Amino acid sequence: MSATDDLEAAAREELERACTLGWKALAAHTPWGDTFEGFTPEGREVSVERNYLWEHETGGDIRIEVNVYEPRDHEEGVSLTRTIARETAA
């Protein structure tokens, strides 16, 4: 697996984890973000940055951004984004 593939796999895993909360739970904490240290599937030490932002307006859709990068090389990381639509909230 290439370094980029490894970073992307870690970003996909974190994005899936971030989306398990659903709109209602996330809305109580949006906007919010954090950065923490973690490991990729191949064991590479990385920084993981998560952001929960209102897509257009407060109380609307929530955009989740996940960035995974080696601590010394932020620009070479992988960024993924997904939107959780308010209409899907139960």
N, C-alpha and C. Protein backbone atom coordinates (compact mmCIF):
# COMPACT_ATOMS: atom_id res chain seq x y z
N MET A 1 0.86 -1.18 0.00
CA MET A 1 0.00 0.00 0.00
C MET A 1 0.90 1.23 0.00
N SER A 2 0.60 2.20 -0.87
CA SER A 2 1.39 3.43 -0.91
C SER A 2 1.08 4.29 0.31
N ALA A 3 1.96 5.25 0.58
CA ALA A 3 1.75 6.16 1.71
C ALA A 3 0.44 6.93 1.56
N THR A 4 0.13 7.38 0.34
CA THR A 4 -1.12 8.11 0.11
C THR A 4 -2.32 7.21 0.33
N ASP A 5 -2.26 5.97 -0.14
CA ASP A 5 -3.36 5.02 0.07
C ASP A 5 -3.57 4.77 1.56
N ASP A 6 -2.47 4.67 2.30
CA ASP A 6 -2.54 4.44 3.74
C ASP A 6 -3.20 5.62 4.45
N LEU A 7 -2.81 6.83 4.08
CA LEU A 7 -3.42 8.03 4.66
C LEU A 7 -4.91 8.10 4.31
N GLU A 8 -5.24 7.77 3.07
CA GLU A 8 -6.64 7.80 2.64
C GLU A 8 -7.47 6.76 3.39
N ALA A 9 -6.91 5.59 3.61
CA ALA A 9 -7.63 4.55 4.37
C ALA A 9 -7.91 5.02 5.79
N ALA A 10 -6.93 5.67 6.41
CA ALA A 10 -7.13 6.20 7.76
C ALA A 10 -8.20 7.30 7.76
N ALA A 11 -8.18 8.16 6.75
CA ALA A 11 -9.17 9.24 6.65
C ALA A 11 -10.57 8.67 6.45
N ARG A 12 -10.69 7.65 5.60
CA ARG A 12 -12.01 7.02 5.38
C ARG A 12 -12.54 6.41 6.68
N GLU A 13 -11.67 5.71 7.41
CA GLU A 13 -12.09 5.11 8.68
C GLU A 13 -12.58 6.18 9.66
N GLU A 14 -11.83 7.27 9.76
CA GLU A 14 -12.20 8.33 10.70
C GLU A 14 -13.48 9.03 10.26
N LEU A 15 -13.67 9.23 8.96
CA LEU A 15 -14.89 9.86 8.46
C LEU A 15 -16.09 8.98 8.75
N GLU A 16 -15.97 7.69 8.54
CA GLU A 16 -17.07 6.77 8.86
C GLU A 16 -17.41 6.83 10.35
N ARG A 17 -16.37 6.85 11.19
CA ARG A 17 -16.58 6.93 12.64
C ARG A 17 -17.28 8.24 13.00
N ALA A 18 -16.84 9.33 12.39
CA ALA A 18 -17.42 10.65 12.69
C ALA A 18 -18.89 10.74 12.29
N CYS A 19 -19.26 10.01 11.24
CA CYS A 19 -20.64 10.08 10.74
C CYS A 19 -21.60 9.18 11.51
N THR A 20 -21.11 8.33 12.38
CA THR A 20 -22.00 7.43 13.11
C THR A 20 -22.87 8.16 14.13
N LEU A 21 -22.48 9.36 14.50
CA LEU A 21 -23.25 10.10 15.50
C LEU A 21 -24.58 10.60 14.97
N GLY A 22 -24.65 10.89 13.69
CA GLY A 22 -25.90 11.38 13.12
C GLY A 22 -26.10 12.87 13.36
N TRP A 23 -27.04 13.45 12.62
CA TRP A 23 -27.25 14.89 12.64
C TRP A 23 -27.62 15.42 14.02
N LYS A 24 -28.57 14.77 14.67
CA LYS A 24 -29.08 15.29 15.95
C LYS A 24 -27.98 15.39 17.00
N ALA A 25 -27.16 14.36 17.12
CA ALA A 25 -26.07 14.39 18.11
C ALA A 25 -25.01 15.41 17.71
N LEU A 26 -24.70 15.49 16.43
CA LEU A 26 -23.67 16.44 15.98
C LEU A 26 -24.12 17.88 16.10
N ALA A 27 -25.39 18.14 15.88
CA ALA A 27 -25.90 19.52 15.91
C ALA A 27 -25.63 20.19 17.26
N ALA A 28 -25.66 19.41 18.32
CA ALA A 28 -25.43 19.97 19.65
C ALA A 28 -23.98 20.43 19.84
N HIS A 29 -23.07 19.98 18.97
CA HIS A 29 -21.66 20.30 19.12
C HIS A 29 -21.06 21.04 17.93
N THR A 30 -21.91 21.45 17.00
CA THR A 30 -21.43 22.14 15.81
C THR A 30 -21.54 23.64 16.01
N PRO A 31 -20.57 24.46 15.65
CA PRO A 31 -19.29 24.09 15.06
C PRO A 31 -18.31 23.62 16.14
N TRP A 32 -17.46 22.69 15.74
CA TRP A 32 -16.49 22.11 16.65
C TRP A 32 -15.41 21.41 15.85
N GLY A 33 -14.24 21.28 16.42
CA GLY A 33 -13.16 20.56 15.77
C GLY A 33 -12.11 20.16 16.76
N ASP A 34 -11.31 19.17 16.39
CA ASP A 34 -10.19 18.77 17.23
C ASP A 34 -9.11 18.12 16.37
N THR A 35 -7.94 18.01 16.95
CA THR A 35 -6.82 17.34 16.31
C THR A 35 -6.21 16.41 17.33
N PHE A 36 -5.89 15.20 16.90
CA PHE A 36 -5.28 14.22 17.81
C PHE A 36 -4.32 13.34 17.03
N GLU A 37 -3.46 12.67 17.76
CA GLU A 37 -2.49 11.76 17.15
C GLU A 37 -3.10 10.38 17.03
N GLY A 38 -2.77 9.68 15.95
CA GLY A 38 -3.29 8.34 15.74
C GLY A 38 -2.36 7.56 14.82
N PHE A 39 -2.85 6.43 14.33
CA PHE A 39 -2.07 5.56 13.46
C PHE A 39 -2.92 5.15 12.26
N THR A 40 -2.27 4.98 11.12
CA THR A 40 -2.93 4.50 9.92
C THR A 40 -3.04 2.98 9.98
N PRO A 41 -3.77 2.37 9.08
CA PRO A 41 -3.85 0.91 9.05
C PRO A 41 -2.48 0.24 8.92
N GLU A 42 -1.52 0.92 8.29
CA GLU A 42 -0.17 0.37 8.13
C GLU A 42 0.74 0.71 9.31
N GLY A 43 0.22 1.42 10.31
CA GLY A 43 1.00 1.75 11.50
C GLY A 43 1.77 3.06 11.45
N ARG A 44 1.53 3.88 10.43
CA ARG A 44 2.19 5.18 10.31
C ARG A 44 1.60 6.14 11.34
N GLU A 45 2.46 6.86 12.07
CA GLU A 45 1.99 7.85 13.03
C GLU A 45 1.50 9.09 12.28
N VAL A 46 0.28 9.54 12.59
CA VAL A 46 -0.32 10.66 11.89
C VAL A 46 -1.05 11.59 12.85
N SER A 47 -1.37 12.76 12.34
CA SER A 47 -2.29 13.67 13.01
C SER A 47 -3.64 13.55 12.31
N VAL A 48 -4.70 13.54 13.08
CA VAL A 48 -6.06 13.45 12.55
C VAL A 48 -6.79 14.70 13.00
N GLU A 49 -7.32 15.42 12.04
CA GLU A 49 -8.05 16.66 12.31
C GLU A 49 -9.50 16.46 11.87
N ARG A 50 -10.42 16.72 12.79
CA ARG A 50 -11.86 16.63 12.47
C ARG A 50 -12.50 17.98 12.70
N ASN A 51 -13.39 18.35 11.79
CA ASN A 51 -14.15 19.59 11.93
C ASN A 51 -15.61 19.30 11.61
N TYR A 52 -16.48 19.83 12.44
CA TYR A 52 -17.93 19.77 12.22
C TYR A 52 -18.39 21.21 12.03
N LEU A 53 -18.89 21.51 10.84
CA LEU A 53 -19.26 22.88 10.49
C LEU A 53 -20.66 22.91 9.90
N TRP A 54 -21.33 24.04 10.07
CA TRP A 54 -22.61 24.21 9.37
C TRP A 54 -22.31 24.40 7.90
N GLU A 55 -22.98 23.66 7.04
CA GLU A 55 -22.71 23.72 5.61
C GLU A 55 -23.04 25.10 5.04
N HIS A 56 -24.23 25.62 5.32
CA HIS A 56 -24.62 26.93 4.78
C HIS A 56 -25.14 27.85 5.88
N GLU A 57 -25.98 27.31 6.75
CA GLU A 57 -26.59 28.14 7.79
C GLU A 57 -26.70 27.34 9.08
N THR A 58 -26.68 28.04 10.19
CA THR A 58 -26.81 27.40 11.49
C THR A 58 -28.11 26.62 11.55
N GLY A 59 -28.03 25.37 11.98
CA GLY A 59 -29.22 24.53 12.08
C GLY A 59 -29.53 23.74 10.83
N GLY A 60 -28.73 23.93 9.78
CA GLY A 60 -28.94 23.22 8.52
C GLY A 60 -28.06 21.97 8.43
N ASP A 61 -27.63 21.67 7.23
CA ASP A 61 -26.76 20.51 7.02
C ASP A 61 -25.43 20.71 7.72
N ILE A 62 -24.81 19.61 8.11
CA ILE A 62 -23.53 19.64 8.79
C ILE A 62 -22.46 19.05 7.88
N ARG A 63 -21.38 19.78 7.68
CA ARG A 63 -20.25 19.29 6.90
C ARG A 63 -19.20 18.74 7.86
N ILE A 64 -18.79 17.52 7.62
CA ILE A 64 -17.74 16.89 8.40
C ILE A 64 -16.49 16.85 7.53
N GLU A 65 -15.42 17.41 8.06
CA GLU A 65 -14.14 17.40 7.35
C GLU A 65 -13.15 16.58 8.16
N VAL A 66 -12.43 15.70 7.50
CA VAL A 66 -11.39 14.90 8.15
C VAL A 66 -10.11 15.08 7.34
N ASN A 67 -9.04 15.45 8.02
CA ASN A 67 -7.72 15.58 7.41
C ASN A 67 -6.77 14.66 8.16
N VAL A 68 -6.04 13.84 7.43
CA VAL A 68 -5.06 12.94 8.02
C VAL A 68 -3.72 13.24 7.35
N TYR A 69 -2.69 13.48 8.17
CA TYR A 69 -1.39 13.84 7.63
C TYR A 69 -0.29 13.45 8.60
N GLU A 70 0.90 13.25 8.05
CA GLU A 70 2.05 13.00 8.90
C GLU A 70 2.39 14.33 9.58
N PRO A 71 2.69 14.30 10.88
CA PRO A 71 2.86 15.55 11.63
C PRO A 71 3.83 16.54 10.98
N ARG A 72 4.81 16.08 10.28
CA ARG A 72 5.80 16.98 9.69
C ARG A 72 5.41 17.49 8.30
N ASP A 73 4.27 17.03 7.77
CA ASP A 73 3.96 17.33 6.37
C ASP A 73 2.46 17.51 6.14
N HIS A 74 1.88 18.55 6.73
CA HIS A 74 0.44 18.81 6.65
C HIS A 74 -0.05 18.92 5.21
N GLU A 75 0.72 19.55 4.34
CA GLU A 75 0.28 19.78 2.96
C GLU A 75 0.16 18.50 2.14
N GLU A 76 0.81 17.44 2.55
CA GLU A 76 0.79 16.19 1.80
C GLU A 76 -0.24 15.20 2.35
N GLY A 77 -1.13 15.65 3.19
CA GLY A 77 -2.13 14.78 3.78
C GLY A 77 -3.31 14.52 2.87
N VAL A 78 -4.28 13.83 3.41
CA VAL A 78 -5.51 13.49 2.69
C VAL A 78 -6.68 14.16 3.41
N SER A 79 -7.55 14.81 2.65
CA SER A 79 -8.73 15.46 3.20
C SER A 79 -9.98 14.86 2.57
N LEU A 80 -10.94 14.49 3.40
CA LEU A 80 -12.22 13.98 2.94
C LEU A 80 -13.33 14.78 3.60
N THR A 81 -14.44 14.92 2.91
CA THR A 81 -15.57 15.69 3.42
C THR A 81 -16.86 14.93 3.13
N ARG A 82 -17.79 15.00 4.05
CA ARG A 82 -19.12 14.45 3.86
C ARG A 82 -20.12 15.38 4.52
N THR A 83 -21.30 15.46 3.95
CA THR A 83 -22.37 16.29 4.52
C THR A 83 -23.47 15.40 5.05
N ILE A 84 -23.92 15.72 6.25
CA ILE A 84 -25.08 15.04 6.82
C ILE A 84 -26.25 16.02 6.72
N ALA A 85 -27.22 15.66 5.93
CA ALA A 85 -28.36 16.53 5.67
C ALA A 85 -29.31 16.56 6.85
N ARG A 86 -29.82 17.71 7.15
CA ARG A 86 -30.78 17.87 8.24
C ARG A 86 -32.03 17.02 7.98
N GLU A 87 -32.45 16.90 6.75
CA GLU A 87 -33.67 16.16 6.43
C GLU A 87 -33.59 14.70 6.86
N THR A 88 -32.38 14.16 7.02
CA THR A 88 -32.25 12.77 7.41
C THR A 88 -32.29 12.58 8.92
N ALA A 89 -32.37 13.66 9.67
CA ALA A 89 -32.39 13.57 11.13
C ALA A 89 -33.70 12.96 11.60
N ALA A 90 -33.57 12.06 12.55
CA ALA A 90 -34.77 11.41 13.10
C ALA A 90 -35.18 12.04 14.40
